[in-house]
Amino acid sequence: MPEMTFEVRWPDGSTLRCYSPSLVMHDYLRTGSEYTVADFLDRSGRALAEASERVRAKYGFACTSAAETTALIAGAAEQFPSHALVEITAMQPELERS
């Protein structure tokens, strides 16, 4: 199962590099796009839950790394207002767009 990383720039300029066990993050987030903190929490949470379920379907157990990433993002987001903007600065591997 292909895995990936993505990087978030928070409203204060700090960055957080995150892990996903699946490329499904590309269905929810785009490099260079900005999202409100609330929207980013929703999108990343749904994407990581789907990624974890893909691991469960393939290996028979949920992905604890996806759960850890969800918790890491939620903890970092607590210090910002829900309407503040975050930017997705990188997603590796990138997907080719046609």
PDB file of N, CA and C in Angstrom:
ATOM      1  N   MET A   1       0.858  -1.183   0.000  1.00  0.00           N
ATOM      2  CA  MET A   1       0.000   0.000   0.000  1.00  0.00           C
ATOM      3  C   MET A   1       0.899   1.239   0.000  1.00  0.00           C
ATOM      4  N   PRO A   2       0.712   2.144  -0.972  1.00  0.00           N
ATOM      5  CA  PRO A   2       1.556   3.338  -1.026  1.00  0.00           C
ATOM      6  C   PRO A   2       1.279   4.259   0.158  1.00  0.00           C
ATOM      7  N   GLU A   3       2.317   4.791   0.722  1.00  0.00           N
ATOM      8  CA  GLU A   3       2.169   5.741   1.820  1.00  0.00           C
ATOM      9  C   GLU A   3       2.658   7.101   1.351  1.00  0.00           C
ATOM     10  N   MET A   4       2.400   8.117   2.165  1.00  0.00           N
ATOM     11  CA  MET A   4       2.786   9.458   1.765  1.00  0.00           C
ATOM     12  C   MET A   4       2.989  10.349   2.981  1.00  0.00           C
ATOM     13  N   THR A   5       3.565  11.516   2.734  1.00  0.00           N
ATOM     14  CA  THR A   5       3.648  12.557   3.742  1.00  0.00           C
ATOM     15  C   THR A   5       3.036  13.829   3.160  1.00  0.00           C
ATOM     16  N   PHE A   6       2.583  14.683   4.057  1.00  0.00           N
ATOM     17  CA  PHE A   6       2.095  15.992   3.632  1.00  0.00           C
ATOM     18  C   PHE A   6       2.513  17.005   4.683  1.00  0.00           C
ATOM     19  N   GLU A   7       2.725  18.233   4.239  1.00  0.00           N
ATOM     20  CA  GLU A   7       3.209  19.272   5.145  1.00  0.00           C
ATOM     21  C   GLU A   7       2.203  20.411   5.213  1.00  0.00           C
ATOM     22  N   VAL A   8       1.963  20.863   6.426  1.00  0.00           N
ATOM     23  CA  VAL A   8       0.985  21.916   6.711  1.00  0.00           C
ATOM     24  C   VAL A   8       1.715  23.132   7.264  1.00  0.00           C
ATOM     25  N   ARG A   9       1.382  24.321   6.759  1.00  0.00           N
ATOM     26  CA  ARG A   9       1.870  25.565   7.361  1.00  0.00           C
ATOM     27  C   ARG A   9       0.723  26.165   8.156  1.00  0.00           C
ATOM     28  N   TRP A  10       0.938  26.294   9.453  1.00  0.00           N
ATOM     29  CA  TRP A  10      -0.072  26.826  10.366  1.00  0.00           C
ATOM     30  C   TRP A  10      -0.115  28.347  10.284  1.00  0.00           C
ATOM     31  N   PRO A  11      -1.155  28.972  10.847  1.00  0.00           N
ATOM     32  CA  PRO A  11      -1.297  30.436  10.765  1.00  0.00           C
ATOM     33  C   PRO A  11      -0.107  31.220  11.340  1.00  0.00           C
ATOM     34  N   ASP A  12       0.635  30.643  12.270  1.00  0.00           N
ATOM     35  CA  ASP A  12       1.792  31.340  12.848  1.00  0.00           C
ATOM     36  C   ASP A  12       3.070  31.124  12.038  1.00  0.00           C
ATOM     37  N   GLY A  13       2.976  30.409  10.917  1.00  0.00           N
ATOM     38  CA  GLY A  13       4.135  30.172  10.068  1.00  0.00           C
ATOM     39  C   GLY A  13       4.874  28.876  10.359  1.00  0.00           C
ATOM     40  N   SER A  14       4.537  28.223  11.459  1.00  0.00           N
ATOM     41  CA  SER A  14       5.184  26.949  11.769  1.00  0.00           C
ATOM     42  C   SER A  14       4.679  25.869  10.814  1.00  0.00           C
ATOM     43  N   THR A  15       5.463  24.822  10.631  1.00  0.00           N
ATOM     44  CA  THR A  15       5.061  23.744   9.744  1.00  0.00           C
ATOM     45  C   THR A  15       5.030  22.425  10.499  1.00  0.00           C
ATOM     46  N   LEU A  16       4.226  21.525   9.990  1.00  0.00           N
ATOM     47  CA  LEU A  16       4.091  20.194  10.560  1.00  0.00           C
ATOM     48  C   LEU A  16       4.087  19.195   9.419  1.00  0.00           C
ATOM     49  N   ARG A  17       4.989  18.236   9.485  1.00  0.00           N
ATOM     50  CA  ARG A  17       5.050  17.177   8.470  1.00  0.00           C
ATOM     51  C   ARG A  17       4.258  15.996   9.007  1.00  0.00           C
ATOM     52  N   CYS A  18       3.332  15.500   8.202  1.00  0.00           N
ATOM     53  CA  CYS A  18       2.399  14.463   8.635  1.00  0.00           C
ATOM     54  C   CYS A  18       2.517  13.232   7.752  1.00  0.00           C
ATOM     55  N   TYR A  19       2.129  12.098   8.304  1.00  0.00           N
ATOM     56  CA  TYR A  19       2.202  10.814   7.609  1.00  0.00           C
ATOM     57  C   TYR A  19       0.797  10.293   7.326  1.00  0.00           C
ATOM     58  N   SER A  20       0.631   9.657   6.175  1.00  0.00           N
ATOM     59  CA  SER A  20      -0.594   8.924   5.853  1.00  0.00           C
ATOM     60  C   SER A  20      -0.210   7.579   5.258  1.00  0.00           C
ATOM     61  N   PRO A  21      -0.902   6.516   5.654  1.00  0.00           N
ATOM     62  CA  PRO A  21      -0.601   5.202   5.092  1.00  0.00           C
ATOM     63  C   PRO A  21      -1.180   4.999   3.693  1.00  0.00           C
ATOM     64  N   SER A  22      -1.821   6.029   3.150  1.00  0.00           N
ATOM     65  CA  SER A  22      -2.494   5.897   1.859  1.00  0.00           C
ATOM     66  C   SER A  22      -2.429   7.214   1.097  1.00  0.00           C
ATOM     67  N   LEU A  23      -2.440   7.115  -0.208  1.00  0.00           N
ATOM     68  CA  LEU A  23      -2.468   8.303  -1.064  1.00  0.00           C
ATOM     69  C   LEU A  23      -3.834   8.977  -1.076  1.00  0.00           C
ATOM     70  N   VAL A  24      -4.790   8.460  -0.309  1.00  0.00           N
ATOM     71  CA  VAL A  24      -6.145   9.021  -0.279  1.00  0.00           C
ATOM     72  C   VAL A  24      -6.148  10.495   0.142  1.00  0.00           C
ATOM     73  N   MET A  25      -5.095  10.969   0.788  1.00  0.00           N
ATOM     74  CA  MET A  25      -5.027  12.381   1.182  1.00  0.00           C
ATOM     75  C   MET A  25      -5.219  13.288  -0.032  1.00  0.00           C
ATOM     76  N   HIS A  26      -4.769  12.829  -1.205  1.00  0.00           N
ATOM     77  CA  HIS A  26      -4.913  13.630  -2.423  1.00  0.00           C
ATOM     78  C   HIS A  26      -6.381  13.830  -2.798  1.00  0.00           C
ATOM     79  N   ASP A  27      -7.276  12.992  -2.303  1.00  0.00           N
ATOM     80  CA  ASP A  27      -8.704  13.163  -2.574  1.00  0.00           C
ATOM     81  C   ASP A  27      -9.315  14.269  -1.720  1.00  0.00           C
ATOM     82  N   TYR A  28      -8.613  14.674  -0.663  1.00  0.00           N
ATOM     83  CA  TYR A  28      -9.152  15.628   0.301  1.00  0.00           C
ATOM     84  C   TYR A  28      -8.395  16.951   0.361  1.00  0.00           C
ATOM     85  N   LEU A  29      -7.098  16.931   0.009  1.00  0.00           N
ATOM     86  CA  LEU A  29      -6.239  18.111   0.139  1.00  0.00           C
ATOM     87  C   LEU A  29      -5.440  18.322  -1.144  1.00  0.00           C
ATOM     88  N   ARG A  30      -5.050  19.567  -1.395  1.00  0.00           N
ATOM     89  CA  ARG A  30      -4.248  19.902  -2.567  1.00  0.00           C
ATOM     90  C   ARG A  30      -3.045  20.750  -2.140  1.00  0.00           C
ATOM     91  N   THR A  31      -1.892  20.432  -2.686  1.00  0.00           N
ATOM     92  CA  THR A  31      -0.701  21.239  -2.443  1.00  0.00           C
ATOM     93  C   THR A  31      -0.958  22.665  -2.914  1.00  0.00           C
ATOM     94  N   GLY A  32      -0.588  23.630  -2.068  1.00  0.00           N
ATOM     95  CA  GLY A  32      -0.773  25.040  -2.397  1.00  0.00           C
ATOM     96  C   GLY A  32      -2.121  25.599  -2.007  1.00  0.00           C
ATOM     97  N   SER A  33      -3.041  24.746  -1.594  1.00  0.00           N
ATOM     98  CA  SER A  33      -4.376  25.212  -1.204  1.00  0.00           C
ATOM     99  C   SER A  33      -4.392  25.623   0.259  1.00  0.00           C
ATOM    100  N   GLU A  34      -5.275  26.571   0.556  1.00  0.00           N
ATOM    101  CA  GLU A  34      -5.494  26.998   1.933  1.00  0.00           C
ATOM    102  C   GLU A  34      -6.876  26.538   2.385  1.00  0.00           C
ATOM    103  N   TYR A  35      -6.955  26.183   3.664  1.00  0.00           N
ATOM    104  CA  TYR A  35      -8.203  25.743   4.275  1.00  0.00           C
ATOM    105  C   TYR A  35      -8.308  26.412   5.639  1.00  0.00           C
ATOM    106  N   THR A  36      -9.524  26.659   6.093  1.00  0.00           N
ATOM    107  CA  THR A  36      -9.649  27.111   7.474  1.00  0.00           C
ATOM    108  C   THR A  36      -9.205  25.965   8.375  1.00  0.00           C
ATOM    109  N   VAL A  37      -8.822  26.294   9.570  1.00  0.00           N
ATOM    110  CA  VAL A  37      -8.412  25.259  10.519  1.00  0.00           C
ATOM    111  C   VAL A  37      -9.534  24.236  10.684  1.00  0.00           C
ATOM    112  N   ALA A  38     -10.773  24.714  10.810  1.00  0.00           N
ATOM    113  CA  ALA A  38     -11.909  23.799  10.983  1.00  0.00           C
ATOM    114  C   ALA A  38     -12.070  22.879   9.780  1.00  0.00           C
ATOM    115  N   ASP A  39     -11.967  23.429   8.580  1.00  0.00           N
ATOM    116  CA  ASP A  39     -12.100  22.625   7.367  1.00  0.00           C
ATOM    117  C   ASP A  39     -10.938  21.638   7.246  1.00  0.00           C
ATOM    118  N   PHE A  40      -9.736  22.092   7.553  1.00  0.00           N
ATOM    119  CA  PHE A  40      -8.576  21.198   7.495  1.00  0.00           C
ATOM    120  C   PHE A  40      -8.723  20.045   8.483  1.00  0.00           C
ATOM    121  N   LEU A  41      -9.185  20.331   9.687  1.00  0.00           N
ATOM    122  CA  LEU A  41      -9.411  19.259  10.672  1.00  0.00           C
ATOM    123  C   LEU A  41     -10.414  18.244  10.143  1.00  0.00           C
ATOM    124  N   ASP A  42     -11.488  18.729   9.545  1.00  0.00           N
ATOM    125  CA  ASP A  42     -12.509  17.839   8.991  1.00  0.00           C
ATOM    126  C   ASP A  42     -11.945  17.014   7.834  1.00  0.00           C
ATOM    127  N   ARG A  43     -11.323  17.677   6.876  1.00  0.00           N
ATOM    128  CA  ARG A  43     -10.797  16.985   5.701  1.00  0.00           C
ATOM    129  C   ARG A  43      -9.720  15.966   6.069  1.00  0.00           C
ATOM    130  N   SER A  44      -8.754  16.397   6.871  1.00  0.00           N
ATOM    131  CA  SER A  44      -7.663  15.488   7.226  1.00  0.00           C
ATOM    132  C   SER A  44      -8.174  14.338   8.087  1.00  0.00           C
ATOM    133  N   GLY A  45      -9.114  14.619   8.975  1.00  0.00           N
ATOM    134  CA  GLY A  45      -9.686  13.556   9.808  1.00  0.00           C
ATOM    135  C   GLY A  45     -10.417  12.507   8.989  1.00  0.00           C
ATOM    136  N   ARG A  46     -11.230  12.962   8.033  1.00  0.00           N
ATOM    137  CA  ARG A  46     -11.935  12.011   7.171  1.00  0.00           C
ATOM    138  C   ARG A  46     -10.964  11.225   6.296  1.00  0.00           C
ATOM    139  N   ALA A  47      -9.956  11.914   5.758  1.00  0.00           N
ATOM    140  CA  ALA A  47      -8.979  11.242   4.894  1.00  0.00           C
ATOM    141  C   ALA A  47      -8.173  10.203   5.673  1.00  0.00           C
ATOM    142  N   LEU A  48      -7.730  10.551   6.864  1.00  0.00           N
ATOM    143  CA  LEU A  48      -6.935   9.610   7.660  1.00  0.00           C
ATOM    144  C   LEU A  48      -7.780   8.439   8.148  1.00  0.00           C
ATOM    145  N   ALA A  49      -9.060   8.676   8.425  1.00  0.00           N
ATOM    146  CA  ALA A  49      -9.951   7.569   8.790  1.00  0.00           C
ATOM    147  C   ALA A  49     -10.107   6.617   7.606  1.00  0.00           C
ATOM    148  N   GLU A  50     -10.268   7.171   6.410  1.00  0.00           N
ATOM    149  CA  GLU A  50     -10.377   6.335   5.214  1.00  0.00           C
ATOM    150  C   GLU A  50      -9.078   5.572   4.968  1.00  0.00           C
ATOM    151  N   ALA A  51      -7.949   6.242   5.160  1.00  0.00           N
ATOM    152  CA  ALA A  51      -6.646   5.583   4.990  1.00  0.00           C
ATOM    153  C   ALA A  51      -6.505   4.425   5.973  1.00  0.00           C
ATOM    154  N   SER A  52      -6.920   4.644   7.209  1.00  0.00           N
ATOM    155  CA  SER A  52      -6.842   3.591   8.220  1.00  0.00           C
ATOM    156  C   SER A  52      -7.735   2.411   7.863  1.00  0.00           C
ATOM    157  N   GLU A  53      -8.914   2.699   7.315  1.00  0.00           N
ATOM    158  CA  GLU A  53      -9.813   1.616   6.905  1.00  0.00           C
ATOM    159  C   GLU A  53      -9.249   0.833   5.720  1.00  0.00           C
ATOM    160  N   ARG A  54      -8.516   1.512   4.853  1.00  0.00           N
ATOM    161  CA  ARG A  54      -7.855   0.802   3.754  1.00  0.00           C
ATOM    162  C   ARG A  54      -6.811  -0.170   4.297  1.00  0.00           C
ATOM    163  N   VAL A  55      -6.093   0.255   5.324  1.00  0.00           N
ATOM    164  CA  VAL A  55      -5.124  -0.639   5.973  1.00  0.00           C
ATOM    165  C   VAL A  55      -5.866  -1.816   6.589  1.00  0.00           C
ATOM    166  N   ARG A  56      -6.992  -1.532   7.279  1.00  0.00           N
ATOM    167  CA  ARG A  56      -7.772  -2.603   7.899  1.00  0.00           C
ATOM    168  C   ARG A  56      -8.245  -3.613   6.849  1.00  0.00           C
ATOM    169  N   ALA A  57      -8.712  -3.117   5.711  1.00  0.00           N
ATOM    170  CA  ALA A  57      -9.208  -4.007   4.656  1.00  0.00           C
ATOM    171  C   ALA A  57      -8.094  -4.904   4.111  1.00  0.00           C
ATOM    172  N   LYS A  58      -6.896  -4.350   4.037  1.00  0.00           N
ATOM    173  CA  LYS A  58      -5.786  -5.113   3.460  1.00  0.00           C
ATOM    174  C   LYS A  58      -5.102  -6.029   4.474  1.00  0.00           C
ATOM    175  N   TYR A  59      -4.923  -5.534   5.716  1.00  0.00           N
ATOM    176  CA  TYR A  59      -4.119  -6.272   6.694  1.00  0.00           C
ATOM    177  C   TYR A  59      -4.910  -6.809   7.887  1.00  0.00           C
ATOM    178  N   GLY A  60      -6.173  -6.388   8.025  1.00  0.00           N
ATOM    179  CA  GLY A  60      -6.991  -6.892   9.118  1.00  0.00           C
ATOM    180  C   GLY A  60      -6.927  -6.090  10.401  1.00  0.00           C
ATOM    181  N   PHE A  61      -6.236  -4.961  10.392  1.00  0.00           N
ATOM    182  CA  PHE A  61      -6.179  -4.096  11.572  1.00  0.00           C
ATOM    183  C   PHE A  61      -6.051  -2.644  11.128  1.00  0.00           C
ATOM    184  N   ALA A  62      -6.538  -1.735  11.966  1.00  0.00           N
ATOM    185  CA  ALA A  62      -6.481  -0.303  11.655  1.00  0.00           C
ATOM    186  C   ALA A  62      -5.045   0.199  11.773  1.00  0.00           C
ATOM    187  N   CYS A  63      -4.773   1.320  11.154  1.00  0.00           N
ATOM    188  CA  CYS A  63      -3.437   1.906  11.169  1.00  0.00           C
ATOM    189  C   CYS A  63      -3.287   2.850  12.358  1.00  0.00           C
ATOM    190  N   THR A  64      -2.451   2.469  13.308  1.00  0.00           N
ATOM    191  CA  THR A  64      -2.230   3.328  14.473  1.00  0.00           C
ATOM    192  C   THR A  64      -1.500   4.609  14.087  1.00  0.00           C
ATOM    193  N   SER A  65      -0.686   4.570  13.043  1.00  0.00           N
ATOM    194  CA  SER A  65       0.005   5.785  12.604  1.00  0.00           C
ATOM    195  C   SER A  65      -0.981   6.832  12.096  1.00  0.00           C
ATOM    196  N   ALA A  66      -2.039   6.401  11.430  1.00  0.00           N
ATOM    197  CA  ALA A  66      -3.068   7.339  10.976  1.00  0.00           C
ATOM    198  C   ALA A  66      -3.762   7.977  12.172  1.00  0.00           C
ATOM    199  N   ALA A  67      -4.038   7.189  13.192  1.00  0.00           N
ATOM    200  CA  ALA A  67      -4.657   7.725  14.412  1.00  0.00           C
ATOM    201  C   ALA A  67      -3.712   8.704  15.108  1.00  0.00           C
ATOM    202  N   GLU A  68      -2.423   8.392  15.134  1.00  0.00           N
ATOM    203  CA  GLU A  68      -1.439   9.298  15.739  1.00  0.00           C
ATOM    204  C   GLU A  68      -1.352  10.608  14.964  1.00  0.00           C
ATOM    205  N   THR A  69      -1.388  10.535  13.641  1.00  0.00           N
ATOM    206  CA  THR A  69      -1.350  11.745  12.828  1.00  0.00           C
ATOM    207  C   THR A  69      -2.586  12.597  13.083  1.00  0.00           C
ATOM    208  N   THR A  70      -3.752  11.963  13.179  1.00  0.00           N
ATOM    209  CA  THR A  70      -4.993  12.691  13.471  1.00  0.00           C
ATOM    210  C   THR A  70      -4.878  13.423  14.803  1.00  0.00           C
ATOM    211  N   ALA A  71      -4.356  12.733  15.813  1.00  0.00           N
ATOM    212  CA  ALA A  71      -4.195  13.341  17.143  1.00  0.00           C
ATOM    213  C   ALA A  71      -3.164  14.472  17.107  1.00  0.00           C
ATOM    214  N   LEU A  72      -2.089  14.300  16.365  1.00  0.00           N
ATOM    215  CA  LEU A  72      -1.053  15.324  16.238  1.00  0.00           C
ATOM    216  C   LEU A  72      -1.629  16.589  15.609  1.00  0.00           C
ATOM    217  N   ILE A  73      -2.391  16.413  14.537  1.00  0.00           N
ATOM    218  CA  ILE A  73      -3.016  17.555  13.859  1.00  0.00           C
ATOM    219  C   ILE A  73      -4.007  18.252  14.793  1.00  0.00           C
ATOM    220  N   ALA A  74      -4.843  17.476  15.463  1.00  0.00           N
ATOM    221  CA  ALA A  74      -5.841  18.063  16.374  1.00  0.00           C
ATOM    222  C   ALA A  74      -5.161  18.843  17.495  1.00  0.00           C
ATOM    223  N   GLY A  75      -4.087  18.307  18.039  1.00  0.00           N
ATOM    224  CA  GLY A  75      -3.361  19.000  19.106  1.00  0.00           C
ATOM    225  C   GLY A  75      -2.748  20.303  18.626  1.00  0.00           C
ATOM    226  N   ALA A  76      -2.156  20.286  17.444  1.00  0.00           N
ATOM    227  CA  ALA A  76      -1.543  21.495  16.890  1.00  0.00           C
ATOM    228  C   ALA A  76      -2.607  22.544  16.572  1.00  0.00           C
ATOM    229  N   ALA A  77      -3.764  22.099  16.093  1.00  0.00           N
ATOM    230  CA  ALA A  77      -4.821  23.022  15.682  1.00  0.00           C
ATOM    231  C   ALA A  77      -5.471  23.746  16.852  1.00  0.00           C
ATOM    232  N   GLU A  78      -5.374  23.175  18.051  1.00  0.00           N
ATOM    233  CA  GLU A  78      -6.040  23.769  19.225  1.00  0.00           C
ATOM    234  C   GLU A  78      -5.604  25.201  19.508  1.00  0.00           C
ATOM    235  N   GLN A  79      -4.396  25.562  19.110  1.00  0.00           N
ATOM    236  CA  GLN A  79      -3.894  26.897  19.447  1.00  0.00           C
ATOM    237  C   GLN A  79      -4.342  27.989  18.477  1.00  0.00           C
ATOM    238  N   PHE A  80      -5.110  27.615  17.442  1.00  0.00           N
ATOM    239  CA  PHE A  80      -5.523  28.586  16.429  1.00  0.00           C
ATOM    240  C   PHE A  80      -7.042  28.689  16.361  1.00  0.00           C
ATOM    241  N   PRO A  81      -7.557  29.882  16.003  1.00  0.00           N
ATOM    242  CA  PRO A  81      -9.000  30.014  15.804  1.00  0.00           C
ATOM    243  C   PRO A  81      -9.452  29.157  14.619  1.00  0.00           C
ATOM    244  N   SER A  82     -10.666  28.677  14.685  1.00  0.00           N
ATOM    245  CA  SER A  82     -11.169  27.768  13.655  1.00  0.00           C
ATOM    246  C   SER A  82     -11.240  28.415  12.277  1.00  0.00           C
ATOM    247  N   HIS A  83     -11.328  29.740  12.210  1.00  0.00           N
ATOM    248  CA  HIS A  83     -11.434  30.437  10.923  1.00  0.00           C
ATOM    249  C   HIS A  83     -10.062  30.814  10.341  1.00  0.00           C
ATOM    250  N   ALA A  84      -8.984  30.630  11.109  1.00  0.00           N
ATOM    251  CA  ALA A  84      -7.640  30.945  10.609  1.00  0.00           C
ATOM    252  C   ALA A  84      -7.292  29.985   9.470  1.00  0.00           C
ATOM    253  N   LEU A  85      -6.355  30.396   8.614  1.00  0.00           N
ATOM    254  CA  LEU A  85      -6.022  29.590   7.439  1.00  0.00           C
ATOM    255  C   LEU A  85      -4.742  28.792   7.619  1.00  0.00           C
ATOM    256  N   VAL A  86      -4.788  27.556   7.134  1.00  0.00           N
ATOM    257  CA  VAL A  86      -3.600  26.714   7.034  1.00  0.00           C
ATOM    258  C   VAL A  86      -3.368  26.453   5.545  1.00  0.00           C
ATOM    259  N   GLU A  87      -2.105  26.205   5.186  1.00  0.00           N
ATOM    260  CA  GLU A  87      -1.766  25.922   3.796  1.00  0.00           C
ATOM    261  C   GLU A  87      -1.090  24.563   3.701  1.00  0.00           C
ATOM    262  N   ILE A  88      -1.448  23.813   2.685  1.00  0.00           N
ATOM    263  CA  ILE A  88      -0.773  22.551   2.398  1.00  0.00           C
ATOM    264  C   ILE A  88       0.418  22.911   1.518  1.00  0.00           C
ATOM    265  N   THR A  89       1.624  22.771   2.063  1.00  0.00           N
ATOM    266  CA  THR A  89       2.811  23.221   1.342  1.00  0.00           C
ATOM    267  C   THR A  89       3.484  22.109   0.547  1.00  0.00           C
ATOM    268  N   ALA A  90       3.205  20.864   0.885  1.00  0.00           N
ATOM    269  CA  ALA A  90       3.815  19.749   0.146  1.00  0.00           C
ATOM    270  C   ALA A  90       3.013  18.484   0.368  1.00  0.00           C
ATOM    271  N   MET A  91       3.011  17.643  -0.650  1.00  0.00           N
ATOM    272  CA  MET A  91       2.437  16.300  -0.554  1.00  0.00           C
ATOM    273  C   MET A  91       3.363  15.390  -1.356  1.00  0.00           C
ATOM    274  N   GLN A  92       3.902  14.391  -0.689  1.00  0.00           N
ATOM    275  CA  GLN A  92       4.842  13.474  -1.345  1.00  0.00           C
ATOM    276  C   GLN A  92       4.372  12.046  -1.195  1.00  0.00           C
ATOM    277  N   PRO A  93       4.246  11.296  -2.249  1.00  0.00           N
ATOM    278  CA  PRO A  93       4.514  11.719  -3.610  1.00  0.00           C
ATOM    279  C   PRO A  93       3.373  12.566  -4.162  1.00  0.00           C
ATOM    280  N   GLU A  94       3.727  13.463  -5.070  1.00  0.00           N
ATOM    281  CA  GLU A  94       2.720  14.266  -5.764  1.00  0.00           C
ATOM    282  C   GLU A  94       1.983  13.358  -6.741  1.00  0.00           C
ATOM    283  N   LEU A  95       0.761  13.686  -7.054  1.00  0.00           N
ATOM    284  CA  LEU A  95       0.020  12.989  -8.091  1.00  0.00           C
ATOM    285  C   LEU A  95       0.091  13.801  -9.368  1.00  0.00           C
ATOM    286  N   GLU A  96       0.213  13.118 -10.480  1.00  0.00           N
ATOM    287  CA  GLU A  96       0.180  13.822 -11.753  1.00  0.00           C
ATOM    288  C   GLU A  96      -1.262  14.178 -12.060  1.00  0.00           C
ATOM    289  N   ARG A  97      -1.477  15.412 -12.422  1.00  0.00           N
ATOM    290  CA  ARG A  97      -2.821  15.895 -12.779  1.00  0.00           C
ATOM    291  C   ARG A  97      -2.913  15.981 -14.286  1.00  0.00           C
ATOM    292  N   SER A  98      -4.016  15.500 -14.814  1.00  0.00           N
ATOM    293  CA  SER A  98      -4.204  15.599 -16.280  1.00  0.00           C
ATOM    294  C   SER A  98      -5.142  16.718 -16.628  1.00  0.00           C
TER     295      SER A  98
END
